[in-house]
Amino acid sequence: MIIRTAKPSDLETLLELSAMLPPGMTSMPCDTETWVKKLQLVSDSISRQPQEDQESVYLLVLEDPSNNAIVGTAGMISGVGNTRPFYNYKLSKEVKTSPDINIKRSSNLLNLVNDYTGATELTSLFLMPEYRRNGAGQFLSRCRFVFMSDFPERFDDVVFAEIRGWLDENEDSPFWNHLGQKFFKLPFHKADFISSVNGSQFISDLMPRFPVYLELLPQEAIEVIGRAHRDAAPAQRLLEKEGFSYNGAVDIFDAGPIVECDRGNIRSIQNTTTARIKSVSDSVSDNSEIPLCIVSNRNLSEYRLITSRIENPIEDEIIISAQDAEMLHVDVGSQIQILQMRH
């Protein structure tokens, strides 16, 4: 399996892939115009120097070399909110006391905020069900941290991810139905699609800026705040292993948890090592005692990652197989980045 950067020529394949996606994956709508713009932005982001006042988008795709099919995606957006506003809710408390009647009350609030403006967002993590085995999900999730380690100047110190929120048996959002629906008069999936295609300016236009008191919402809406969708829980657990945590920020549509971590504290970034290829061997070792690693070629314009068994992966110089060198487009003397896979 090879992970590489997405290209404009991937348009039709990615459209087909997005048609299979579950509701709520707003970063990958099944919309041709949106994909054309996104793939162009990916190309532009790679070819230019990072700019503080603009969003940059990086999309990686997992490709099956046996049929050249794209079977998974993983993305990153740096400078979130610099091009168009990014909103989320933040949970807080308000405590009031009345000495005259000796009553103290605590209220729970949702505040509409732009706290993540300028930060780096992890997006578009998807793997086709038939490929969810043999560590492919881990490879796809952690490849983003190898990318960040390869090109740290392109990313903010704060990294976050929106986890899909809880939906009922009809794939509808109890949170949206009892809050957003009242102001937008749109069903959940329609509002989600508009946000993914047109941006979130309409949220600023129509959503009240005042805090929302949770005590005014029904229990079924309160219970799903900060709760991950059943299918998104594994992705959240992978991020928690990296050091990400939920701190009370939630998505404005489905109230899914937003997890965050300082980039320098992400465990995969801390554990990457850089090495030079000392030699290329014709033999391929299948010794399970040799560590299985994620390996990148560190070449932004032709970025590639594979998994490979690397002897002594913490050494400054390593030997790789001829097959792996060909897949990575590297040779003797090339620098690579290495991250050991978890058992």
C-alpha atoms as a PDB file:
ATOM      1  CA  MET A   1       0.000   0.000   0.000  1.00  0.00           C
ATOM      2  CA  ILE A   2       1.198   3.495  -0.882  1.00  0.00           C
ATOM      3  CA  ILE A   3       0.121   6.836   0.551  1.00  0.00           C
ATOM      4  CA  ARG A   4       0.700   9.853  -1.686  1.00  0.00           C
ATOM      5  CA  THR A   5      -0.597  13.382  -2.127  1.00  0.00           C
ATOM      6  CA  ALA A   6      -3.858  13.774  -4.037  1.00  0.00           C
ATOM      7  CA  LYS A   7      -3.720  15.185  -7.583  1.00  0.00           C
ATOM      8  CA  PRO A   8      -6.302  16.879  -9.842  1.00  0.00           C
ATOM      9  CA  SER A   9      -6.330  13.702 -11.943  1.00  0.00           C
ATOM     10  CA  ASP A  10      -7.833  11.864  -8.932  1.00  0.00           C
ATOM     11  CA  LEU A  11     -11.083  13.830  -9.313  1.00  0.00           C
ATOM     12  CA  GLU A  12     -13.347  11.073 -10.658  1.00  0.00           C
ATOM     13  CA  THR A  13     -12.032   8.463  -8.229  1.00  0.00           C
ATOM     14  CA  LEU A  14     -12.461  10.755  -5.237  1.00  0.00           C
ATOM     15  CA  LEU A  15     -15.982  11.653  -6.353  1.00  0.00           C
ATOM     16  CA  GLU A  16     -16.849   7.967  -6.452  1.00  0.00           C
ATOM     17  CA  LEU A  17     -15.279   7.495  -3.031  1.00  0.00           C
ATOM     18  CA  SER A  18     -17.165  10.419  -1.512  1.00  0.00           C
ATOM     19  CA  ALA A  19     -20.434   8.940  -2.784  1.00  0.00           C
ATOM     20  CA  MET A  20     -19.823   5.984  -0.439  1.00  0.00           C
ATOM     21  CA  LEU A  21     -19.138   8.118   2.632  1.00  0.00           C
ATOM     22  CA  PRO A  22     -21.472   8.186   5.621  1.00  0.00           C
ATOM     23  CA  PRO A  23     -23.384  11.390   6.437  1.00  0.00           C
ATOM     24  CA  GLY A  24     -21.418  13.922   8.446  1.00  0.00           C
ATOM     25  CA  MET A  25     -18.094  13.811   6.577  1.00  0.00           C
ATOM     26  CA  THR A  26     -18.406  17.428   5.519  1.00  0.00           C
ATOM     27  CA  SER A  27     -14.817  17.754   4.312  1.00  0.00           C
ATOM     28  CA  MET A  28     -15.524  15.328   1.437  1.00  0.00           C
ATOM     29  CA  PRO A  29     -18.920  16.207  -0.082  1.00  0.00           C
ATOM     30  CA  CYS A  30     -20.037  14.399  -3.213  1.00  0.00           C
ATOM     31  CA  ASP A  31     -19.950  17.574  -5.290  1.00  0.00           C
ATOM     32  CA  THR A  32     -17.839  17.970  -8.436  1.00  0.00           C
ATOM     33  CA  GLU A  33     -17.224  21.718  -8.171  1.00  0.00           C
ATOM     34  CA  THR A  34     -16.130  21.424  -4.536  1.00  0.00           C
ATOM     35  CA  TRP A  35     -13.677  18.644  -5.380  1.00  0.00           C
ATOM     36  CA  VAL A  36     -12.224  20.577  -8.326  1.00  0.00           C
ATOM     37  CA  LYS A  37     -11.575  23.563  -6.058  1.00  0.00           C
ATOM     38  CA  LYS A  38     -10.202  21.392  -3.264  1.00  0.00           C
ATOM     39  CA  LEU A  39      -7.753  19.482  -5.455  1.00  0.00           C
ATOM     40  CA  GLN A  40      -6.545  22.729  -6.977  1.00  0.00           C
ATOM     41  CA  LEU A  41      -6.047  24.151  -3.495  1.00  0.00           C
ATOM     42  CA  VAL A  42      -4.049  21.039  -2.541  1.00  0.00           C
ATOM     43  CA  SER A  43      -1.784  21.587  -5.574  1.00  0.00           C
ATOM     44  CA  ASP A  44      -1.436  25.294  -4.758  1.00  0.00           C
ATOM     45  CA  SER A  45      -0.671  24.591  -1.084  1.00  0.00           C
ATOM     46  CA  ILE A  46       2.117  22.185  -2.005  1.00  0.00           C
ATOM     47  CA  SER A  47       3.674  24.442  -4.634  1.00  0.00           C
ATOM     48  CA  ARG A  48       3.745  27.684  -2.610  1.00  0.00           C
ATOM     49  CA  GLN A  49       5.375  28.797   0.584  1.00  0.00           C
ATOM     50  CA  PRO A  50       3.042  28.802   3.619  1.00  0.00           C
ATOM     51  CA  GLN A  51       1.116  32.052   4.084  1.00  0.00           C
ATOM     52  CA  GLU A  52      -0.152  33.126   7.493  1.00  0.00           C
ATOM     53  CA  ASP A  53      -3.294  34.814   6.182  1.00  0.00           C
ATOM     54  CA  GLN A  54      -4.530  31.858   4.083  1.00  0.00           C
ATOM     55  CA  GLU A  55      -5.706  28.319   4.634  1.00  0.00           C
ATOM     56  CA  SER A  56      -3.572  25.564   3.145  1.00  0.00           C
ATOM     57  CA  VAL A  57      -5.025  22.145   2.381  1.00  0.00           C
ATOM     58  CA  TYR A  58      -3.083  18.879   2.198  1.00  0.00           C
ATOM     59  CA  LEU A  59      -4.853  15.672   1.190  1.00  0.00           C
ATOM     60  CA  LEU A  60      -3.201  12.250   1.238  1.00  0.00           C
ATOM     61  CA  VAL A  61      -4.687   9.195  -0.454  1.00  0.00           C
ATOM     62  CA  LEU A  62      -4.114   5.503   0.238  1.00  0.00           C
ATOM     63  CA  GLU A  63      -3.606   3.590  -3.000  1.00  0.00           C
ATOM     64  CA  ASP A  64      -3.746  -0.151  -3.581  1.00  0.00           C
ATOM     65  CA  PRO A  65      -0.855  -0.854  -6.006  1.00  0.00           C
ATOM     66  CA  SER A  66      -2.517  -4.053  -7.223  1.00  0.00           C
ATOM     67  CA  ASN A  67      -5.253  -2.094  -9.023  1.00  0.00           C
ATOM     68  CA  ASN A  68      -4.220   1.568  -8.513  1.00  0.00           C
ATOM     69  CA  ALA A  69      -7.494   2.145  -6.646  1.00  0.00           C
ATOM     70  CA  ILE A  70      -7.792   4.897  -4.027  1.00  0.00           C
ATOM     71  CA  VAL A  71      -9.158   3.177  -0.933  1.00  0.00           C
ATOM     72  CA  GLY A  72      -8.649   5.797   1.785  1.00  0.00           C
ATOM     73  CA  THR A  73      -7.981   9.448   2.519  1.00  0.00           C
ATOM     74  CA  ALA A  74      -6.446  11.582   5.266  1.00  0.00           C
ATOM     75  CA  GLY A  75      -6.176  15.372   5.227  1.00  0.00           C
ATOM     76  CA  MET A  76      -4.850  18.409   7.056  1.00  0.00           C
ATOM     77  CA  ILE A  77      -5.841  22.073   6.890  1.00  0.00           C
ATOM     78  CA  SER A  78      -3.436  24.660   8.255  1.00  0.00           C
ATOM     79  CA  GLY A  79      -4.507  28.215   9.018  1.00  0.00           C
ATOM     80  CA  VAL A  80      -8.110  27.196   9.679  1.00  0.00           C
ATOM     81  CA  GLY A  81     -10.494  30.144   9.613  1.00  0.00           C
ATOM     82  CA  ASN A  82      -8.097  32.496   7.801  1.00  0.00           C
ATOM     83  CA  THR A  83      -9.933  32.175   4.489  1.00  0.00           C
ATOM     84  CA  ARG A  84     -13.459  31.671   5.812  1.00  0.00           C
ATOM     85  CA  PRO A  85     -14.729  31.721   9.417  1.00  0.00           C
ATOM     86  CA  PHE A  86     -14.587  28.561  11.499  1.00  0.00           C
ATOM     87  CA  TYR A  87     -17.110  28.190  14.323  1.00  0.00           C
ATOM     88  CA  ASN A  88     -17.616  25.747  17.132  1.00  0.00           C
ATOM     89  CA  TYR A  89     -19.357  25.661  20.499  1.00  0.00           C
ATOM     90  CA  LYS A  90     -17.423  25.793  23.758  1.00  0.00           C
ATOM     91  CA  LEU A  91     -18.924  24.474  26.990  1.00  0.00           C
ATOM     92  CA  SER A  92     -18.665  26.689  30.051  1.00  0.00           C
ATOM     93  CA  LYS A  93     -20.342  27.228  33.426  1.00  0.00           C
ATOM     94  CA  GLU A  94     -22.053  30.223  34.938  1.00  0.00           C
ATOM     95  CA  VAL A  95     -22.556  30.349  38.701  1.00  0.00           C
ATOM     96  CA  LYS A  96     -25.005  32.780  40.310  1.00  0.00           C
ATOM     97  CA  THR A  97     -25.812  33.333  43.962  1.00  0.00           C
ATOM     98  CA  SER A  98     -28.667  35.138  45.673  1.00  0.00           C
ATOM     99  CA  PRO A  99     -27.745  35.887  49.339  1.00  0.00           C
ATOM    100  CA  ASP A 100     -31.245  37.192  50.036  1.00  0.00           C
ATOM    101  CA  ILE A 101     -32.832  33.785  49.535  1.00  0.00           C
ATOM    102  CA  ASN A 102     -29.669  31.724  50.133  1.00  0.00           C
ATOM    103  CA  ILE A 103     -29.705  30.011  46.734  1.00  0.00           C
ATOM    104  CA  LYS A 104     -26.708  29.194  44.557  1.00  0.00           C
ATOM    105  CA  ARG A 105     -27.235  27.944  41.010  1.00  0.00           C
ATOM    106  CA  SER A 106     -24.821  26.673  38.341  1.00  0.00           C
ATOM    107  CA  SER A 107     -25.787  26.786  34.662  1.00  0.00           C
ATOM    108  CA  ASN A 108     -24.125  25.074  31.697  1.00  0.00           C
ATOM    109  CA  LEU A 109     -23.591  27.183  28.595  1.00  0.00           C
ATOM    110  CA  LEU A 110     -22.686  26.690  24.963  1.00  0.00           C
ATOM    111  CA  ASN A 111     -20.786  29.674  23.545  1.00  0.00           C
ATOM    112  CA  LEU A 112     -20.306  30.231  19.804  1.00  0.00           C
ATOM    113  CA  VAL A 113     -16.553  30.870  19.349  1.00  0.00           C
ATOM    114  CA  ASN A 114     -13.734  31.091  16.788  1.00  0.00           C
ATOM    115  CA  ASP A 115     -11.082  29.685  19.137  1.00  0.00           C
ATOM    116  CA  TYR A 116      -9.389  27.524  16.498  1.00  0.00           C
ATOM    117  CA  THR A 117      -8.731  30.303  13.988  1.00  0.00           C
ATOM    118  CA  GLY A 118      -5.200  29.822  12.632  1.00  0.00           C
ATOM    119  CA  ALA A 119      -4.846  26.283  14.023  1.00  0.00           C
ATOM    120  CA  THR A 120      -4.275  23.032  12.096  1.00  0.00           C
ATOM    121  CA  GLU A 121      -7.214  20.692  11.579  1.00  0.00           C
ATOM    122  CA  LEU A 122      -7.081  16.969  10.847  1.00  0.00           C
ATOM    123  CA  THR A 123      -9.788  16.101   8.316  1.00  0.00           C
ATOM    124  CA  SER A 124     -11.062  13.590   5.766  1.00  0.00           C
ATOM    125  CA  LEU A 125     -10.002  10.378   7.493  1.00  0.00           C
ATOM    126  CA  PHE A 126     -11.729   7.519   5.684  1.00  0.00           C
ATOM    127  CA  LEU A 127     -10.806   3.933   4.849  1.00  0.00           C
ATOM    128  CA  MET A 128     -12.962   1.581   2.796  1.00  0.00           C
ATOM    129  CA  PRO A 129     -14.351  -1.155   5.078  1.00  0.00           C
ATOM    130  CA  GLU A 130     -12.741  -4.030   3.183  1.00  0.00           C
ATOM    131  CA  TYR A 131      -9.286  -2.516   3.846  1.00  0.00           C
ATOM    132  CA  ARG A 132      -9.729  -2.058   7.596  1.00  0.00           C
ATOM    133  CA  ARG A 133      -7.224  -4.730   8.558  1.00  0.00           C
ATOM    134  CA  ASN A 134      -3.493  -5.382   8.958  1.00  0.00           C
ATOM    135  CA  GLY A 135      -2.811  -1.935  10.413  1.00  0.00           C
ATOM    136  CA  ALA A 136      -4.078   0.021   7.400  1.00  0.00           C
ATOM    137  CA  GLY A 137      -6.175   2.304   9.617  1.00  0.00           C
ATOM    138  CA  GLN A 138      -3.192   3.091  11.834  1.00  0.00           C
ATOM    139  CA  PHE A 139      -1.013   3.716   8.754  1.00  0.00           C
ATOM    140  CA  LEU A 140      -3.568   6.137   7.326  1.00  0.00           C
ATOM    141  CA  SER A 141      -4.195   7.994  10.588  1.00  0.00           C
ATOM    142  CA  ARG A 142      -0.542   8.380  11.587  1.00  0.00           C
ATOM    143  CA  CYS A 143       0.749   9.317   8.125  1.00  0.00           C
ATOM    144  CA  ARG A 144      -0.502  12.856   8.811  1.00  0.00           C
ATOM    145  CA  PHE A 145       1.882  13.210  11.741  1.00  0.00           C
ATOM    146  CA  VAL A 146       4.811  12.009   9.641  1.00  0.00           C
ATOM    147  CA  PHE A 147       3.846  14.661   7.080  1.00  0.00           C
ATOM    148  CA  MET A 148       3.788  17.324   9.806  1.00  0.00           C
ATOM    149  CA  SER A 149       7.148  16.135  11.066  1.00  0.00           C
ATOM    150  CA  ASP A 150       8.578  16.343   7.541  1.00  0.00           C
ATOM    151  CA  PHE A 151       7.284  19.891   6.963  1.00  0.00           C
ATOM    152  CA  PRO A 152       6.756  21.521  10.393  1.00  0.00           C
ATOM    153  CA  GLU A 153       6.952  25.079   9.052  1.00  0.00           C
ATOM    154  CA  ARG A 154       3.607  24.527   7.324  1.00  0.00           C
ATOM    155  CA  PHE A 155       1.594  23.839  10.485  1.00  0.00           C
ATOM    156  CA  ASP A 156       0.420  25.709  13.569  1.00  0.00           C
ATOM    157  CA  ASP A 157       1.327  24.733  17.124  1.00  0.00           C
ATOM    158  CA  VAL A 158      -2.291  23.746  17.894  1.00  0.00           C
ATOM    159  CA  VAL A 159      -3.698  20.680  16.112  1.00  0.00           C
ATOM    160  CA  PHE A 160      -7.328  19.598  16.442  1.00  0.00           C
ATOM    161  CA  ALA A 161      -9.871  17.224  14.922  1.00  0.00           C
ATOM    162  CA  GLU A 162     -13.656  17.285  14.797  1.00  0.00           C
ATOM    163  CA  ILE A 163     -15.040  13.846  15.610  1.00  0.00           C
ATOM    164  CA  ARG A 164     -18.386  12.943  14.036  1.00  0.00           C
ATOM    165  CA  GLY A 165     -21.163  13.407  16.552  1.00  0.00           C
ATOM    166  CA  TRP A 166     -23.786  10.944  17.684  1.00  0.00           C
ATOM    167  CA  LEU A 167     -26.674  10.271  15.302  1.00  0.00           C
ATOM    168  CA  ASP A 168     -29.826   8.298  16.027  1.00  0.00           C
ATOM    169  CA  GLU A 169     -31.025   5.144  14.270  1.00  0.00           C
ATOM    170  CA  ASN A 170     -32.278   7.302  11.374  1.00  0.00           C
ATOM    171  CA  GLU A 171     -28.847   8.939  10.999  1.00  0.00           C
ATOM    172  CA  ASP A 172     -30.313  12.198  12.294  1.00  0.00           C
ATOM    173  CA  SER A 173     -28.808  14.513  14.919  1.00  0.00           C
ATOM    174  CA  PRO A 174     -30.822  15.018  18.143  1.00  0.00           C
ATOM    175  CA  PHE A 175     -28.657  18.037  18.928  1.00  0.00           C
ATOM    176  CA  TRP A 176     -29.343  19.747  15.601  1.00  0.00           C
ATOM    177  CA  ASN A 177     -33.061  18.965  15.727  1.00  0.00           C
ATOM    178  CA  HIS A 178     -33.442  20.732  19.078  1.00  0.00           C
ATOM    179  CA  LEU A 179     -31.123  23.695  18.437  1.00  0.00           C
ATOM    180  CA  GLY A 180     -29.842  24.501  14.942  1.00  0.00           C
ATOM    181  CA  GLN A 181     -33.046  23.412  13.225  1.00  0.00           C
ATOM    182  CA  LYS A 182     -34.990  26.090  15.121  1.00  0.00           C
ATOM    183  CA  PHE A 183     -32.889  28.902  13.612  1.00  0.00           C
ATOM    184  CA  PHE A 184     -32.040  27.571  10.152  1.00  0.00           C
ATOM    185  CA  LYS A 185     -35.231  25.650   9.280  1.00  0.00           C
ATOM    186  CA  LEU A 186     -33.059  23.094   7.496  1.00  0.00           C
ATOM    187  CA  PRO A 187     -32.700  19.345   8.104  1.00  0.00           C
ATOM    188  CA  PHE A 188     -29.368  18.269   9.558  1.00  0.00           C
ATOM    189  CA  HIS A 189     -27.858  16.740   6.412  1.00  0.00           C
ATOM    190  CA  LYS A 190     -28.863  19.716   4.264  1.00  0.00           C
ATOM    191  CA  ALA A 191     -27.234  22.211   6.644  1.00  0.00           C
ATOM    192  CA  ASP A 192     -24.140  20.002   6.886  1.00  0.00           C
ATOM    193  CA  PHE A 193     -23.877  19.839   3.079  1.00  0.00           C
ATOM    194  CA  ILE A 194     -24.281  23.608   2.666  1.00  0.00           C
ATOM    195  CA  SER A 195     -21.486  24.157   5.175  1.00  0.00           C
ATOM    196  CA  SER A 196     -19.156  21.778   3.346  1.00  0.00           C
ATOM    197  CA  VAL A 197     -19.808  23.291  -0.078  1.00  0.00           C
ATOM    198  CA  ASN A 198     -20.391  27.003   0.627  1.00  0.00           C
ATOM    199  CA  GLY A 199     -18.597  27.516   3.922  1.00  0.00           C
ATOM    200  CA  SER A 200     -20.001  28.523   7.286  1.00  0.00           C
ATOM    201  CA  GLN A 201     -20.747  32.206   6.736  1.00  0.00           C
ATOM    202  CA  PHE A 202     -24.461  31.408   6.924  1.00  0.00           C
ATOM    203  CA  ILE A 203     -23.886  30.305  10.521  1.00  0.00           C
ATOM    204  CA  SER A 204     -22.631  33.764  11.407  1.00  0.00           C
ATOM    205  CA  ASP A 205     -25.563  35.297   9.518  1.00  0.00           C
ATOM    206  CA  LEU A 206     -28.318  33.275  11.190  1.00  0.00           C
ATOM    207  CA  MET A 207     -27.110  31.748  14.457  1.00  0.00           C
ATOM    208  CA  PRO A 208     -27.698  33.857  17.598  1.00  0.00           C
ATOM    209  CA  ARG A 209     -24.460  35.025  19.184  1.00  0.00           C
ATOM    210  CA  PHE A 210     -25.788  34.718  22.714  1.00  0.00           C
ATOM    211  CA  PRO A 211     -24.883  31.684  24.877  1.00  0.00           C
ATOM    212  CA  VAL A 212     -27.230  28.702  24.833  1.00  0.00           C
ATOM    213  CA  TYR A 213     -28.314  27.463  28.273  1.00  0.00           C
ATOM    214  CA  LEU A 214     -28.306  23.669  28.252  1.00  0.00           C
ATOM    215  CA  GLU A 215     -31.048  23.644  30.857  1.00  0.00           C
ATOM    216  CA  LEU A 216     -33.398  24.869  28.099  1.00  0.00           C
ATOM    217  CA  LEU A 217     -32.650  21.894  25.841  1.00  0.00           C
ATOM    218  CA  PRO A 218     -34.336  18.488  26.121  1.00  0.00           C
ATOM    219  CA  GLN A 219     -32.353  15.665  27.688  1.00  0.00           C
ATOM    220  CA  GLU A 220     -31.883  13.760  24.410  1.00  0.00           C
ATOM    221  CA  ALA A 221     -30.028  16.761  22.971  1.00  0.00           C
ATOM    222  CA  ILE A 222     -27.893  17.266  26.084  1.00  0.00           C
ATOM    223  CA  GLU A 223     -26.888  13.586  26.260  1.00  0.00           C
ATOM    224  CA  VAL A 224     -25.166  13.617  22.851  1.00  0.00           C
ATOM    225  CA  ILE A 225     -23.033  16.731  23.454  1.00  0.00           C
ATOM    226  CA  GLY A 226     -19.404  15.634  23.195  1.00  0.00           C
ATOM    227  CA  ARG A 227     -20.392  12.072  22.254  1.00  0.00           C
ATOM    228  CA  ALA A 228     -18.739  10.464  19.225  1.00  0.00           C
ATOM    229  CA  HIS A 229     -20.663   8.589  16.556  1.00  0.00           C
ATOM    230  CA  ARG A 230     -20.325   4.820  16.951  1.00  0.00           C
ATOM    231  CA  ASP A 231     -18.322   4.614  13.705  1.00  0.00           C
ATOM    232  CA  ALA A 232     -16.049   7.524  14.684  1.00  0.00           C
ATOM    233  CA  ALA A 233     -15.105   6.222  18.131  1.00  0.00           C
ATOM    234  CA  PRO A 234     -12.098   4.202  16.821  1.00  0.00           C
ATOM    235  CA  ALA A 235     -10.678   7.337  15.157  1.00  0.00           C
ATOM    236  CA  GLN A 236     -11.048   9.223  18.437  1.00  0.00           C
ATOM    237  CA  ARG A 237      -9.242   6.447  20.313  1.00  0.00           C
ATOM    238  CA  LEU A 238      -6.354   6.574  17.824  1.00  0.00           C
ATOM    239  CA  LEU A 239      -6.002  10.315  18.434  1.00  0.00           C
ATOM    240  CA  GLU A 240      -6.175   9.868  22.204  1.00  0.00           C
ATOM    241  CA  LYS A 241      -3.229   7.465  21.940  1.00  0.00           C
ATOM    242  CA  GLU A 242      -1.363  10.331  20.294  1.00  0.00           C
ATOM    243  CA  GLY A 243      -2.052  12.665  23.227  1.00  0.00           C
ATOM    244  CA  PHE A 244      -5.218  14.397  21.972  1.00  0.00           C
ATOM    245  CA  SER A 245      -7.928  15.233  24.493  1.00  0.00           C
ATOM    246  CA  TYR A 246     -11.459  16.608  24.605  1.00  0.00           C
ATOM    247  CA  ASN A 247     -11.686  19.934  26.430  1.00  0.00           C
ATOM    248  CA  GLY A 248     -15.335  20.922  26.008  1.00  0.00           C
ATOM    249  CA  ALA A 249     -15.313  22.146  22.391  1.00  0.00           C
ATOM    250  CA  VAL A 250     -17.987  20.616  20.133  1.00  0.00           C
ATOM    251  CA  ASP A 251     -19.195  20.829  16.554  1.00  0.00           C
ATOM    252  CA  ILE A 252     -22.066  23.253  15.962  1.00  0.00           C
ATOM    253  CA  PHE A 253     -24.082  20.797  13.859  1.00  0.00           C
ATOM    254  CA  ASP A 254     -23.989  17.436  15.657  1.00  0.00           C
ATOM    255  CA  ALA A 255     -22.152  18.387  18.909  1.00  0.00           C
ATOM    256  CA  GLY A 256     -19.415  15.860  18.207  1.00  0.00           C
ATOM    257  CA  PRO A 257     -16.309  16.256  20.385  1.00  0.00           C
ATOM    258  CA  ILE A 258     -13.347  18.312  19.165  1.00  0.00           C
ATOM    259  CA  VAL A 259     -10.051  16.871  20.400  1.00  0.00           C
ATOM    260  CA  GLU A 260      -6.803  18.844  20.419  1.00  0.00           C
ATOM    261  CA  CYS A 261      -3.104  18.606  21.172  1.00  0.00           C
ATOM    262  CA  ASP A 262      -0.032  20.815  20.906  1.00  0.00           C
ATOM    263  CA  ARG A 263       1.836  19.702  17.799  1.00  0.00           C
ATOM    264  CA  GLY A 264       5.069  19.199  19.724  1.00  0.00           C
ATOM    265  CA  ASN A 265       3.289  16.849  22.153  1.00  0.00           C
ATOM    266  CA  ILE A 266       1.852  14.515  19.505  1.00  0.00           C
ATOM    267  CA  ARG A 267       3.512  11.181  20.241  1.00  0.00           C
ATOM    268  CA  SER A 268       4.020  10.123  16.623  1.00  0.00           C
ATOM    269  CA  ILE A 269       5.771  13.413  15.878  1.00  0.00           C
ATOM    270  CA  GLN A 270       7.971  12.955  18.930  1.00  0.00           C
ATOM    271  CA  ASN A 271       8.876   9.428  17.793  1.00  0.00           C
ATOM    272  CA  THR A 272       9.789  10.078  14.162  1.00  0.00           C
ATOM    273  CA  THR A 273      13.441   9.766  13.202  1.00  0.00           C
ATOM    274  CA  THR A 274      15.344  10.906  10.126  1.00  0.00           C
ATOM    275  CA  ALA A 275      17.819   8.586   8.425  1.00  0.00           C
ATOM    276  CA  ARG A 276      19.904   8.363   5.271  1.00  0.00           C
ATOM    277  CA  ILE A 277      19.695   5.352   2.972  1.00  0.00           C
ATOM    278  CA  LYS A 278      23.071   3.635   3.209  1.00  0.00           C
ATOM    279  CA  SER A 279      22.312   0.928   0.665  1.00  0.00           C
ATOM    280  CA  VAL A 280      19.511  -0.750  -1.257  1.00  0.00           C
ATOM    281  CA  SER A 281      19.173  -4.508  -0.973  1.00  0.00           C
ATOM    282  CA  ASP A 282      17.690  -6.902  -3.531  1.00  0.00           C
ATOM    283  CA  SER A 283      16.295  -9.106  -0.787  1.00  0.00           C
ATOM    284  CA  VAL A 284      13.092  -8.333   1.100  1.00  0.00           C
ATOM    285  CA  SER A 285      12.987  -9.504   4.698  1.00  0.00           C
ATOM    286  CA  ASP A 286       9.718 -10.893   6.024  1.00  0.00           C
ATOM    287  CA  ASN A 287      11.126 -11.441   9.525  1.00  0.00           C
ATOM    288  CA  SER A 288       8.352 -10.376  11.884  1.00  0.00           C
ATOM    289  CA  GLU A 289      10.970  -9.578  14.523  1.00  0.00           C
ATOM    290  CA  ILE A 290      12.161  -6.622  12.434  1.00  0.00           C
ATOM    291  CA  PRO A 291      10.090  -3.499  13.261  1.00  0.00           C
ATOM    292  CA  LEU A 292       7.350  -2.547  10.803  1.00  0.00           C
ATOM    293  CA  CYS A 293       7.617   1.184  10.145  1.00  0.00           C
ATOM    294  CA  ILE A 294       5.935   4.012   8.303  1.00  0.00           C
ATOM    295  CA  VAL A 295       8.523   5.462   5.936  1.00  0.00           C
ATOM    296  CA  SER A 296       8.292   8.739   3.988  1.00  0.00           C
ATOM    297  CA  ASN A 297      10.486  10.086   1.201  1.00  0.00           C
ATOM    298  CA  ARG A 298      10.361  13.676   2.600  1.00  0.00           C
ATOM    299  CA  ASN A 299       9.833  15.029  -0.935  1.00  0.00           C
ATOM    300  CA  LEU A 300       6.906  17.468  -0.840  1.00  0.00           C
ATOM    301  CA  SER A 301       6.395  17.667  -4.608  1.00  0.00           C
ATOM    302  CA  GLU A 302       6.270  13.847  -4.972  1.00  0.00           C
ATOM    303  CA  TYR A 303       5.356  12.852  -1.442  1.00  0.00           C
ATOM    304  CA  ARG A 304       5.046   9.140  -0.724  1.00  0.00           C
ATOM    305  CA  LEU A 305       4.789   6.875   2.326  1.00  0.00           C
ATOM    306  CA  ILE A 306       4.855   3.109   2.660  1.00  0.00           C
ATOM    307  CA  THR A 307       5.137   0.555   5.456  1.00  0.00           C
ATOM    308  CA  SER A 308       8.397  -1.342   5.522  1.00  0.00           C
ATOM    309  CA  ARG A 309      10.398  -3.563   7.869  1.00  0.00           C
ATOM    310  CA  ILE A 310      13.472  -1.550   8.878  1.00  0.00           C
ATOM    311  CA  GLU A 311      16.327  -3.046  10.850  1.00  0.00           C
ATOM    312  CA  ASN A 312      17.559  -0.652  13.542  1.00  0.00           C
ATOM    313  CA  PRO A 313      15.082   2.133  12.624  1.00  0.00           C
ATOM    314  CA  ILE A 314      16.637   4.527  15.144  1.00  0.00           C
ATOM    315  CA  GLU A 315      20.012   4.474  13.371  1.00  0.00           C
ATOM    316  CA  ASP A 316      21.212   7.421  11.256  1.00  0.00           C
ATOM    317  CA  GLU A 317      21.806   5.168   8.251  1.00  0.00           C
ATOM    318  CA  ILE A 318      19.605   2.269   7.167  1.00  0.00           C
ATOM    319  CA  ILE A 319      19.215  -0.364   4.455  1.00  0.00           C
ATOM    320  CA  ILE A 320      15.959  -0.748   2.545  1.00  0.00           C
ATOM    321  CA  SER A 321      14.816  -3.160  -0.117  1.00  0.00           C
ATOM    322  CA  ALA A 322      14.959  -2.321  -3.820  1.00  0.00           C
ATOM    323  CA  GLN A 323      11.180  -2.722  -3.990  1.00  0.00           C
ATOM    324  CA  ASP A 324      10.627  -0.196  -1.189  1.00  0.00           C
ATOM    325  CA  ALA A 325      13.101   2.246  -2.732  1.00  0.00           C
ATOM    326  CA  GLU A 326      11.220   2.079  -6.016  1.00  0.00           C
ATOM    327  CA  MET A 327       7.861   2.650  -4.330  1.00  0.00           C
ATOM    328  CA  LEU A 328       9.251   5.660  -2.440  1.00  0.00           C
ATOM    329  CA  HIS A 329      11.140   7.057  -5.434  1.00  0.00           C
ATOM    330  CA  VAL A 330      14.388   7.174  -3.415  1.00  0.00           C
ATOM    331  CA  ASP A 331      17.929   5.871  -3.815  1.00  0.00           C
ATOM    332  CA  VAL A 332      21.185   5.568  -1.907  1.00  0.00           C
ATOM    333  CA  GLY A 333      21.899   8.845  -0.116  1.00  0.00           C
ATOM    334  CA  SER A 334      18.260   9.931   0.084  1.00  0.00           C
ATOM    335  CA  GLN A 335      16.887  11.087   3.421  1.00  0.00           C
ATOM    336  CA  ILE A 336      13.778   9.387   4.750  1.00  0.00           C
ATOM    337  CA  GLN A 337      11.578   9.741   7.814  1.00  0.00           C
ATOM    338  CA  ILE A 338      10.739   6.685   9.932  1.00  0.00           C
ATOM    339  CA  LEU A 339       7.988   6.001  12.481  1.00  0.00           C
ATOM    340  CA  GLN A 340       7.512   2.582  14.029  1.00  0.00           C
ATOM    341  CA  MET A 341       4.032   1.080  13.797  1.00  0.00           C
ATOM    342  CA  ARG A 342       2.308   0.071  17.034  1.00  0.00           C
ATOM    343  CA  HIS A 343       1.626  -3.605  17.669  1.00  0.00           C
END
